[in-house]
Amino acid sequence: MRLHIIARGKIGRSAEAELVARYSKRVRPPLLLTELPETGGKFPEPPAPFVTVVLDERGKDLSSTELASRIGAWRDDGMREARFLIGAADGHDRATRASADLLLAFGSATWPHLLLRAMLAEQLYRAEMILSGHPYHREG
């Protein structure tokens, strides 16, 4: 199953971009990243079937193992793509949130969008390691 981050705004050359690139290359197949303008722009057409995860402060706060479990279930159910949407500074509109298969939060704090991309890329890599039984993820 392909993992696809679709984010508003350009990450450019930054420390966050380096982290996104580092984790994107480790995911197999490599993590796909699509950047859209702050407003407008067209979402790429997904392969069917797919699942949409919208990152939103009102979403569920899942542990790394819970997120991995969801991703594994989607993969096992035959999903071809899991897309993770990161909005602009004002977040997502009501229609986007309503269309999500999962609203996901990274805690109750507000995170800078560029940092959130890096955090999400790492969590997707971590989920892959959890699902494969690799020791990268260590339980407390």
Protein backbone atom coordinates (compact mmCIF):
# COMPACT_ATOMS: atom_id res chain seq x y z
CA MET A 1 0.00 0.00 0.00
CA ARG A 2 1.31 3.42 -0.93
CA LEU A 3 1.52 6.07 1.81
CA HIS A 4 0.91 9.58 0.48
CA ILE A 5 1.24 12.89 2.35
CA ILE A 6 -0.66 15.73 0.68
CA ALA A 7 0.21 19.05 2.30
CA ARG A 8 -0.66 22.69 1.77
CA GLY A 9 2.31 25.02 1.27
CA LYS A 10 5.90 24.52 0.19
CA ILE A 11 8.48 23.04 2.53
CA GLY A 12 11.47 24.38 0.55
CA ARG A 13 14.98 23.82 1.88
CA SER A 14 14.76 23.48 5.62
CA ALA A 15 15.67 21.22 8.50
CA GLU A 16 12.11 19.86 8.36
CA ALA A 17 12.51 19.08 4.64
CA GLU A 18 15.65 17.08 5.42
CA LEU A 19 13.76 15.03 8.01
CA VAL A 20 10.85 14.42 5.63
CA ALA A 21 13.29 13.29 2.93
CA ARG A 22 15.15 11.01 5.35
CA TYR A 23 12.04 9.15 6.48
CA SER A 24 10.38 9.21 3.06
CA LYS A 25 13.27 7.23 1.58
CA ARG A 26 13.13 4.63 4.36
CA VAL A 27 9.46 3.75 3.80
CA ARG A 28 8.87 0.98 1.22
CA PRO A 29 7.69 1.85 -1.32
CA PRO A 30 9.02 5.38 -0.78
CA LEU A 31 6.59 7.78 0.82
CA LEU A 32 4.92 10.03 -1.75
CA LEU A 33 4.70 13.75 -0.96
CA THR A 34 2.44 16.15 -2.87
CA GLU A 35 2.49 19.86 -2.10
CA LEU A 36 -0.48 22.06 -2.94
CA PRO A 37 -0.77 25.85 -2.80
CA GLU A 38 -2.08 27.39 0.44
CA THR A 39 -5.49 27.67 -1.25
CA GLY A 40 -6.90 25.98 -4.33
CA GLY A 41 -4.98 23.43 -6.29
CA LYS A 42 -6.22 20.01 -7.26
CA PHE A 43 -5.78 16.86 -5.19
CA PRO A 44 -4.14 14.08 -7.23
CA GLU A 45 -6.47 11.29 -8.30
CA PRO A 46 -5.96 8.33 -5.94
CA PRO A 47 -5.88 4.68 -6.96
CA ALA A 48 -9.00 2.87 -5.80
CA PRO A 49 -9.60 1.73 -3.18
CA PHE A 50 -8.02 4.31 -0.88
CA VAL A 51 -8.38 5.71 2.62
CA THR A 52 -8.13 9.37 3.63
CA VAL A 53 -6.66 10.54 6.94
CA VAL A 54 -7.08 14.22 7.75
CA LEU A 55 -4.72 15.68 10.33
CA ASP A 56 -6.84 17.90 12.54
CA GLU A 57 -6.60 19.12 16.12
CA ARG A 58 -10.08 17.67 16.78
CA GLY A 59 -9.01 14.21 15.63
CA LYS A 60 -8.14 11.02 17.49
CA ASP A 61 -4.81 10.97 19.27
CA LEU A 62 -3.47 7.50 18.42
CA SER A 63 -0.34 5.91 19.82
CA SER A 64 2.30 4.76 17.34
CA THR A 65 1.18 1.15 17.72
CA GLU A 66 -2.48 2.11 17.23
CA LEU A 67 -1.63 4.00 14.05
CA ALA A 68 0.44 1.06 12.82
CA SER A 69 -2.47 -1.27 13.52
CA ARG A 70 -4.82 0.93 11.47
CA ILE A 71 -2.37 1.09 8.59
CA GLY A 72 -1.88 -2.68 8.72
CA ALA A 73 -5.64 -3.26 8.66
CA TRP A 74 -6.08 -0.95 5.67
CA ARG A 75 -3.26 -2.74 3.86
CA ASP A 76 -4.75 -6.13 4.68
CA ASP A 77 -8.18 -4.93 3.49
CA GLY A 78 -6.69 -4.20 0.06
CA MET A 79 -6.38 -0.43 0.19
CA ARG A 80 -4.00 0.74 -2.52
CA GLU A 81 -3.27 4.11 -0.96
CA ALA A 82 -3.52 5.80 2.42
CA ARG A 83 -3.47 9.57 1.96
CA PHE A 84 -2.68 11.89 4.83
CA LEU A 85 -3.91 15.47 4.38
CA ILE A 86 -2.17 18.38 6.13
CA GLY A 87 -4.01 21.68 5.78
CA ALA A 88 -2.84 25.27 5.64
CA ALA A 89 -2.68 27.58 8.67
CA ASP A 90 -6.47 27.64 8.99
CA GLY A 91 -6.75 23.85 8.86
CA HIS A 92 -9.28 21.99 6.72
CA ASP A 93 -12.75 22.99 5.65
CA ARG A 94 -15.78 21.19 7.01
CA ALA A 95 -16.28 19.14 3.83
CA THR A 96 -12.72 17.81 3.93
CA ARG A 97 -13.04 16.82 7.58
CA ALA A 98 -16.42 15.18 6.92
CA SER A 99 -15.04 13.12 4.04
CA ALA A 100 -12.18 11.67 6.11
CA ASP A 101 -12.00 8.01 7.04
CA LEU A 102 -10.00 9.09 10.08
CA LEU A 103 -9.40 12.46 11.75
CA LEU A 104 -5.95 12.21 13.34
CA ALA A 105 -4.40 14.54 15.90
CA PHE A 106 -0.83 14.59 17.16
CA GLY A 107 -1.82 15.49 20.72
CA SER A 108 -3.64 18.59 21.86
CA ALA A 109 -0.79 20.97 21.04
CA THR A 110 -0.74 23.03 17.85
CA TRP A 111 2.26 22.12 15.68
CA PRO A 112 3.89 24.13 12.87
CA HIS A 113 2.83 22.57 9.57
CA LEU A 114 6.39 21.95 8.37
CA LEU A 115 7.27 20.20 11.61
CA LEU A 116 4.06 18.17 11.41
CA ARG A 117 5.14 16.85 8.00
CA ALA A 118 8.40 15.61 9.49
CA MET A 119 6.61 14.10 12.50
CA LEU A 120 4.09 12.35 10.24
CA ALA A 121 6.82 10.99 7.96
CA GLU A 122 8.62 9.57 11.00
CA GLN A 123 5.40 8.02 12.35
CA LEU A 124 4.67 6.38 8.99
CA TYR A 125 8.18 4.93 8.97
CA ARG A 126 7.73 3.83 12.59
CA ALA A 127 4.41 2.17 11.67
CA GLU A 128 6.17 0.21 8.95
CA MET A 129 8.83 -0.91 11.43
CA ILE A 130 6.18 -1.93 13.98
CA LEU A 131 4.30 -3.95 11.38
CA SER A 132 7.49 -5.72 10.28
CA GLY A 133 8.57 -6.52 13.86
CA HIS A 134 11.73 -4.41 13.54
CA PRO A 135 13.21 -3.16 16.85
CA TYR A 136 13.20 0.53 15.73
CA HIS A 137 10.08 1.01 17.86
CA ARG A 138 10.68 0.09 21.47
CA GLU A 139 7.84 -0.20 23.96
CA GLY A 140 8.52 1.52 27.31
